[in-house]
Amino acid sequence: MRYTSCSTTLLTSFLLTSSSLVSAAGTLGFALGTKLADGSCKFQRDYESDFDSITTASSARLVRGYAASDCNFAEYVLPAAQKKGFKVILGVWPDTDDSFNADKSALSTYATKFADVVYAVTVGSETLYRGNFTGSELLGKINEVKAILPNTKVGTADSWNKYADGTADPLIKGGVDLLLVNAFPYWQAQPIANATSTYFSDIQQALAHIQSVSGSLSSIEVWNGETGWPTTGGTSYGAATAGDDHAKTYWNDAVCAMLKWGVNVFYFEAFDEPWKPMSVGDTGLASDETHWGAMKADRGAKFPLTC
C-alpha cells in the first residue's frame, strides 16, 4: 500500500486540536494468537501464562483476537482474562457463513457469561481492504452481532486507507461503536528512518476522515488496531528491513510516541508464532511471518516493552 503521506507537522496540529486524543496517554494492547509454538491450540492455562508474561514485560492489560471460535478462543481466553485482570476484544470472522455462525455462537455462549472482561467485539479484519464486503454489507454483519450483544461495543478493524478513502463511510454513518485502524509502514516498504512519520501520517489521514464524516472523534471510539515490525528471522519488504534493532526502534520512536499523543495502540503481535507456514504475497515471493512478536514463542521479551 503506497499512499501520499501528510506531514508530521499537520499531524501534530491535528492532534493538538483534539482534546479527546491528548487528554491522557493512550492504552497499549497486544494482538494474541490462539496457538502454541507447535501449532496446537491454547487452553486456559496457556492464556494465563501469556497474561503473566505480558504483565511482567509491559503495561498492557488488554488483548485482541480475530475469531471467537478459533481453537475455542472465547471459551478459554475469557476465564483466563478474568483470573489475571485482563480485558479482551473478541473477533468475528464474517468471510464465510460457517466462520460467521461459529463465532456468533461462541459469543452467545461465552461473551455473555464473561461480559465483565469483554471490552468489545470486532466483526472482520481488513475485509474492506481485501474487498470481501462493501461498507454497507459489513455494517449489516456488525448489526447482526450487535443484536446478540446489545450492551457491548461492536465495530470492525481495517486498513487505514479504507477509512481515509471513504470505503468505510457506511460504518461511520451507521453509528458503529468502535473502529480499529491498522497501519504498517513496514508493508509500505518504508525504511526504518521513515517509519514513524509514515505511521503518524497514516493514522492522521484515517482520523481526519472519520472526524469529517462523523462530525466528532468522540462519537466513535477509534484505536490503532495493529502496527508492528518483524524481528530477526523475518523477511524484509523492499526498503523495510526486519530485525530486532529495527523493531526496537519502531517501538520506541513510533509506538511509544503514538501512545504519548493519547492514541490507543494494539501492537501486532504479543508472541512469535513459529507454526505459521510461509506466505506468498502479491509479489509472488514467499515470506516468513513467524517473527512479528514483541516476545518470543517462549514468552521472553526481545527488547524493553515500556515507554
Protein backbone atom coordinates (compact mmCIF):
# COMPACT_ATOMS: atom_id res chain seq x y z
CA MET A 1 0.00 0.00 0.00
CA ARG A 2 1.65 3.20 -1.14
CA TYR A 3 -0.11 6.46 -0.49
CA THR A 4 0.98 10.07 -0.33
CA SER A 5 1.80 10.97 3.25
CA CYS A 6 0.79 14.12 5.07
CA SER A 7 3.45 15.96 7.02
CA THR A 8 4.20 15.29 10.67
CA THR A 9 3.54 18.98 11.29
CA LEU A 10 -0.02 18.55 10.03
CA LEU A 11 -0.50 15.56 12.29
CA THR A 12 0.80 17.45 15.30
CA SER A 13 -1.61 20.30 14.63
CA PHE A 14 -4.49 17.88 14.19
CA LEU A 15 -3.83 16.03 17.44
CA LEU A 16 -3.35 19.18 19.45
CA THR A 17 -6.83 20.34 18.45
CA SER A 18 -8.43 17.10 19.66
CA SER A 19 -8.56 17.09 23.45
CA SER A 20 -10.11 13.61 23.44
CA LEU A 21 -6.90 12.25 21.95
CA VAL A 22 -4.34 14.08 24.03
CA SER A 23 -6.04 14.31 27.40
CA ALA A 24 -4.12 11.27 28.65
CA ALA A 25 -1.64 8.71 27.48
CA GLY A 26 -3.04 6.07 25.18
CA THR A 27 -3.73 2.49 26.20
CA LEU A 28 -1.49 -0.33 25.00
CA GLY A 29 -2.81 -3.71 23.92
CA PHE A 30 -1.48 -6.74 22.08
CA ALA A 31 -2.83 -8.96 19.32
CA LEU A 32 -2.84 -12.51 20.66
CA GLY A 33 -2.72 -15.79 18.75
CA THR A 34 -4.69 -18.92 19.58
CA LYS A 35 -1.91 -21.49 19.09
CA LEU A 36 1.26 -22.63 20.79
CA ALA A 37 4.61 -22.79 19.03
CA ASP A 38 3.91 -26.30 17.69
CA GLY A 39 0.56 -25.25 16.21
CA SER A 40 -1.60 -26.91 18.85
CA CYS A 41 -4.45 -24.92 20.34
CA LYS A 42 -4.02 -23.00 23.57
CA PHE A 43 -6.06 -23.77 26.67
CA GLN A 44 -6.91 -21.59 29.65
CA ARG A 45 -3.61 -22.30 31.42
CA ASP A 46 -1.70 -21.19 28.30
CA TYR A 47 -3.54 -17.88 28.16
CA GLU A 48 -2.88 -17.39 31.86
CA SER A 49 0.85 -17.81 31.13
CA ASP A 50 0.51 -15.36 28.23
CA PHE A 51 -1.07 -12.79 30.52
CA ASP A 52 1.58 -13.28 33.19
CA SER A 53 4.32 -12.61 30.63
CA ILE A 54 2.56 -9.55 29.19
CA THR A 55 2.10 -8.18 32.72
CA THR A 56 5.78 -8.69 33.53
CA ALA A 57 7.01 -7.08 30.31
CA SER A 58 4.60 -4.20 29.72
CA SER A 59 1.75 -2.01 30.91
CA ALA A 60 -0.81 -3.79 28.70
CA ARG A 61 -3.88 -5.39 30.25
CA LEU A 62 -5.84 -5.77 27.04
CA VAL A 63 -5.57 -8.22 24.15
CA ARG A 64 -7.48 -8.77 20.94
CA GLY A 65 -8.29 -11.88 18.95
CA TYR A 66 -9.69 -12.44 15.48
CA ALA A 67 -12.20 -15.30 15.64
CA ALA A 68 -14.02 -16.18 18.85
CA SER A 69 -14.48 -19.83 17.87
CA ASP A 70 -10.95 -20.47 16.54
CA CYS A 71 -9.32 -23.02 18.85
CA ASN A 72 -12.23 -22.26 21.22
CA PHE A 73 -10.63 -18.86 21.85
CA ALA A 74 -13.54 -17.26 23.72
CA GLU A 75 -14.08 -20.34 25.86
CA TYR A 76 -10.51 -20.37 27.18
CA VAL A 77 -9.25 -16.80 27.00
CA LEU A 78 -12.13 -15.16 28.85
CA PRO A 79 -11.82 -17.09 32.16
CA ALA A 80 -8.05 -16.62 31.96
CA ALA A 81 -8.54 -12.89 31.48
CA GLN A 82 -10.94 -12.72 34.38
CA LYS A 83 -8.45 -14.51 36.62
CA LYS A 84 -5.49 -12.34 35.56
CA GLY A 85 -7.18 -8.95 35.43
CA PHE A 86 -7.23 -8.52 31.63
CA LYS A 87 -9.90 -7.48 29.16
CA VAL A 88 -10.37 -8.92 25.68
CA ILE A 89 -11.59 -7.69 22.32
CA LEU A 90 -13.12 -10.74 20.68
CA GLY A 91 -13.22 -11.12 16.92
CA VAL A 92 -15.78 -12.42 14.45
CA TRP A 93 -14.61 -13.73 11.08
CA PRO A 94 -17.50 -12.97 8.72
CA ASP A 95 -15.81 -14.05 5.49
CA THR A 96 -17.69 -17.36 5.28
CA ASP A 97 -21.09 -18.36 6.64
CA ASP A 98 -19.51 -21.21 8.63
CA SER A 99 -16.99 -18.98 10.43
CA PHE A 100 -19.52 -16.20 10.95
CA ASN A 101 -22.07 -18.54 12.51
CA ALA A 102 -19.48 -20.35 14.63
CA ASP A 103 -18.16 -17.07 16.03
CA LYS A 104 -21.66 -15.76 16.74
CA SER A 105 -22.39 -18.97 18.61
CA ALA A 106 -19.22 -18.58 20.67
CA LEU A 107 -20.22 -15.01 21.53
CA SER A 108 -23.69 -16.09 22.58
CA THR A 109 -22.25 -18.77 24.85
CA TYR A 110 -19.16 -17.17 26.36
CA ALA A 111 -19.21 -13.39 25.83
CA THR A 112 -22.49 -13.22 27.72
CA LYS A 113 -21.07 -15.37 30.53
CA PHE A 114 -17.92 -13.26 30.90
CA ALA A 115 -19.33 -9.87 29.94
CA ASP A 116 -17.18 -8.12 32.55
CA VAL A 117 -13.95 -8.91 30.65
CA VAL A 118 -15.22 -8.44 27.08
CA TYR A 119 -14.06 -4.95 26.14
CA ALA A 120 -15.55 -5.06 22.64
CA VAL A 121 -16.11 -7.20 19.55
CA THR A 122 -14.71 -6.59 16.07
CA VAL A 123 -16.52 -8.04 13.06
CA GLY A 124 -14.00 -8.61 10.29
CA SER A 125 -10.29 -7.94 9.96
CA GLU A 126 -9.37 -5.95 6.85
CA THR A 127 -12.39 -7.29 4.98
CA LEU A 128 -12.84 -3.92 3.24
CA TYR A 129 -9.18 -3.88 2.22
CA ARG A 130 -9.49 -7.37 0.72
CA GLY A 131 -12.78 -6.44 -0.96
CA ASN A 132 -14.77 -9.20 0.71
CA PHE A 133 -17.59 -6.82 1.63
CA THR A 134 -18.79 -3.35 0.82
CA GLY A 135 -19.15 -0.96 3.73
CA SER A 136 -22.91 -1.46 3.75
CA GLU A 137 -22.58 -5.25 3.70
CA LEU A 138 -20.13 -5.20 6.59
CA LEU A 139 -22.41 -2.88 8.55
CA GLY A 140 -25.15 -5.48 8.22
CA LYS A 141 -22.83 -8.13 9.70
CA ILE A 142 -21.90 -5.79 12.56
CA ASN A 143 -25.55 -5.13 13.33
CA GLU A 144 -26.22 -8.88 13.47
CA VAL A 145 -23.54 -9.22 16.14
CA LYS A 146 -24.78 -6.11 17.97
CA ALA A 147 -28.18 -7.77 18.25
CA ILE A 148 -26.54 -10.63 20.17
CA LEU A 149 -24.58 -8.30 22.47
CA PRO A 150 -26.59 -5.06 22.69
CA ASN A 151 -24.62 -3.79 25.69
CA THR A 152 -21.17 -4.45 24.20
CA LYS A 153 -19.18 -2.18 21.89
CA VAL A 154 -19.13 -3.66 18.37
CA GLY A 155 -17.20 -2.48 15.33
CA THR A 156 -14.51 -3.60 12.92
CA ALA A 157 -10.78 -3.43 12.13
CA ASP A 158 -9.42 -2.41 8.74
CA SER A 159 -6.50 -0.81 6.95
CA TRP A 160 -6.04 2.94 7.47
CA ASN A 161 -6.54 3.76 3.79
CA LYS A 162 -10.02 2.19 3.75
CA TYR A 163 -11.05 4.78 6.31
CA ALA A 164 -9.21 7.61 4.59
CA ASP A 165 -10.64 6.92 1.12
CA GLY A 166 -14.30 6.69 2.15
CA THR A 167 -14.76 2.93 1.79
CA ALA A 168 -15.74 2.67 5.46
CA ASP A 169 -18.12 5.65 5.39
CA PRO A 170 -21.26 3.48 5.76
CA LEU A 171 -19.85 2.20 9.06
CA ILE A 172 -19.08 5.70 10.31
CA LYS A 173 -22.51 6.97 9.29
CA GLY A 174 -24.13 3.78 10.59
CA GLY A 175 -23.09 4.53 14.15
CA VAL A 176 -20.77 1.63 14.95
CA ASP A 177 -19.22 1.80 18.41
CA LEU A 178 -15.59 1.05 17.60
CA LEU A 179 -13.18 1.36 14.68
CA LEU A 180 -9.70 -0.15 14.73
CA VAL A 181 -7.30 1.44 12.24
CA ASN A 182 -4.39 -0.76 11.09
CA ALA A 183 -1.18 0.93 9.94
CA PHE A 184 2.10 -0.76 8.99
CA PRO A 185 4.89 1.35 7.50
CA TYR A 186 6.70 -1.96 7.01
CA TRP A 187 4.05 -3.08 4.49
CA GLN A 188 4.51 0.25 2.73
CA ALA A 189 8.17 -0.72 2.23
CA GLN A 190 9.38 2.20 4.30
CA PRO A 191 12.92 2.20 5.70
CA ILE A 192 13.04 2.46 9.46
CA ALA A 193 14.16 6.10 9.18
CA ASN A 194 10.79 6.98 7.57
CA ALA A 195 8.65 4.59 9.58
CA THR A 196 7.49 6.89 12.36
CA SER A 197 6.46 9.77 10.08
CA THR A 198 4.65 7.34 7.75
CA TYR A 199 2.84 5.72 10.67
CA PHE A 200 1.70 9.05 12.10
CA SER A 201 0.59 10.20 8.67
CA ASP A 202 -1.46 7.05 8.09
CA ILE A 203 -3.24 7.35 11.41
CA GLN A 204 -3.83 11.08 10.88
CA GLN A 205 -5.43 10.56 7.49
CA ALA A 206 -7.81 7.94 8.89
CA LEU A 207 -8.70 10.01 11.96
CA ALA A 208 -9.23 13.16 9.92
CA HIS A 209 -11.67 11.43 7.58
CA ILE A 210 -13.55 9.72 10.42
CA GLN A 211 -13.88 13.08 12.14
CA SER A 212 -15.02 14.76 8.92
CA VAL A 213 -17.76 12.19 8.28
CA SER A 214 -18.95 11.76 11.87
CA GLY A 215 -18.50 15.38 12.90
CA SER A 216 -16.69 14.24 16.02
CA LEU A 217 -13.95 11.94 17.25
CA SER A 218 -15.87 11.22 20.44
CA SER A 219 -18.93 9.59 18.85
CA ILE A 220 -16.93 6.55 17.72
CA GLU A 221 -14.08 5.01 19.71
CA VAL A 222 -11.02 4.83 17.46
CA TRP A 223 -7.89 2.76 18.09
CA ASN A 224 -4.80 1.94 16.12
CA GLY A 225 -5.83 -1.68 15.66
CA GLU A 226 -2.50 -3.11 14.50
CA THR A 227 1.03 -1.93 13.98
CA GLY A 228 4.40 -3.60 14.35
CA TRP A 229 7.73 -4.55 12.82
CA PRO A 230 9.21 -8.02 12.14
CA THR A 231 12.25 -9.01 14.17
CA THR A 232 15.34 -11.03 13.31
CA GLY A 233 14.43 -14.01 11.16
CA GLY A 234 11.56 -12.25 9.45
CA THR A 235 11.51 -11.36 5.77
CA SER A 236 12.35 -7.83 4.68
CA TYR A 237 9.91 -5.98 2.40
CA GLY A 238 11.55 -3.60 -0.02
CA ALA A 239 13.41 -0.98 1.99
CA ALA A 240 11.73 -2.18 5.20
CA THR A 241 14.30 -4.41 6.86
CA ALA A 242 13.40 -6.97 9.51
CA GLY A 243 15.48 -7.17 12.66
CA ASP A 244 15.37 -6.84 16.43
CA ASP A 245 17.14 -3.47 16.34
CA HIS A 246 14.65 -2.02 13.88
CA ALA A 247 11.69 -3.43 15.80
CA LYS A 248 13.06 -1.88 18.99
CA THR A 249 13.50 1.45 17.21
CA TYR A 250 9.96 1.28 15.85
CA TRP A 251 8.59 0.51 19.30
CA ASN A 252 10.43 3.39 20.94
CA ASP A 253 10.04 6.02 18.22
CA ALA A 254 6.63 5.17 16.74
CA VAL A 255 4.53 3.12 19.16
CA CYS A 256 5.58 4.97 22.31
CA ALA A 257 5.14 8.32 20.56
CA MET A 258 1.62 7.41 19.43
CA LEU A 259 0.72 6.35 22.96
CA LYS A 260 2.11 9.59 24.33
CA TRP A 261 -0.13 11.52 21.93
CA GLY A 262 -3.07 9.79 23.57
CA VAL A 263 -3.91 7.32 20.79
CA ASN A 264 -4.69 3.76 21.88
CA VAL A 265 -2.47 1.17 20.17
CA PHE A 266 -2.61 -2.58 19.61
CA TYR A 267 0.82 -3.99 18.80
CA PHE A 268 0.96 -6.90 16.38
CA GLU A 269 1.74 -9.17 17.99
CA ALA A 270 2.42 -10.37 21.53
CA PHE A 271 4.35 -13.57 20.73
CA ASP A 272 6.12 -15.15 17.78
CA GLU A 273 4.09 -17.85 16.00
CA PRO A 274 6.61 -20.34 14.58
CA TRP A 275 3.85 -22.70 13.47
CA LYS A 276 2.79 -20.35 10.65
CA PRO A 277 3.66 -21.50 7.12
CA MET A 278 5.49 -19.29 4.65
CA SER A 279 3.09 -16.90 2.93
CA VAL A 280 3.09 -15.73 -0.68
CA GLY A 281 2.02 -12.14 -1.30
CA ASP A 282 1.25 -10.07 -4.38
CA THR A 283 4.88 -10.20 -5.45
CA GLY A 284 4.78 -13.99 -5.72
CA LEU A 285 7.67 -14.28 -3.28
CA ALA A 286 7.48 -16.38 -0.13
CA SER A 287 7.94 -14.57 3.16
CA ASP A 288 8.42 -15.61 6.77
CA GLU A 289 5.80 -14.11 9.08
CA THR A 290 6.70 -16.07 12.20
CA HIS A 291 8.79 -13.32 13.84
CA TRP A 292 6.36 -10.46 14.43
CA GLY A 293 6.14 -10.95 18.19
CA ALA A 294 7.35 -8.38 20.67
CA MET A 295 8.13 -11.51 22.66
CA LYS A 296 9.49 -14.88 21.60
CA ALA A 297 7.39 -18.02 21.50
CA ASP A 298 8.83 -18.90 24.91
CA ARG A 299 7.32 -15.57 26.11
CA GLY A 300 10.63 -13.79 26.69
CA ALA A 301 10.67 -10.11 25.64
CA LYS A 302 13.01 -9.27 22.73
CA PHE A 303 13.53 -5.68 23.95
CA PRO A 304 12.11 -3.49 26.73
CA LEU A 305 8.35 -3.08 26.22
CA THR A 306 7.94 0.07 28.26
CA CYS A 307 7.64 3.69 27.19
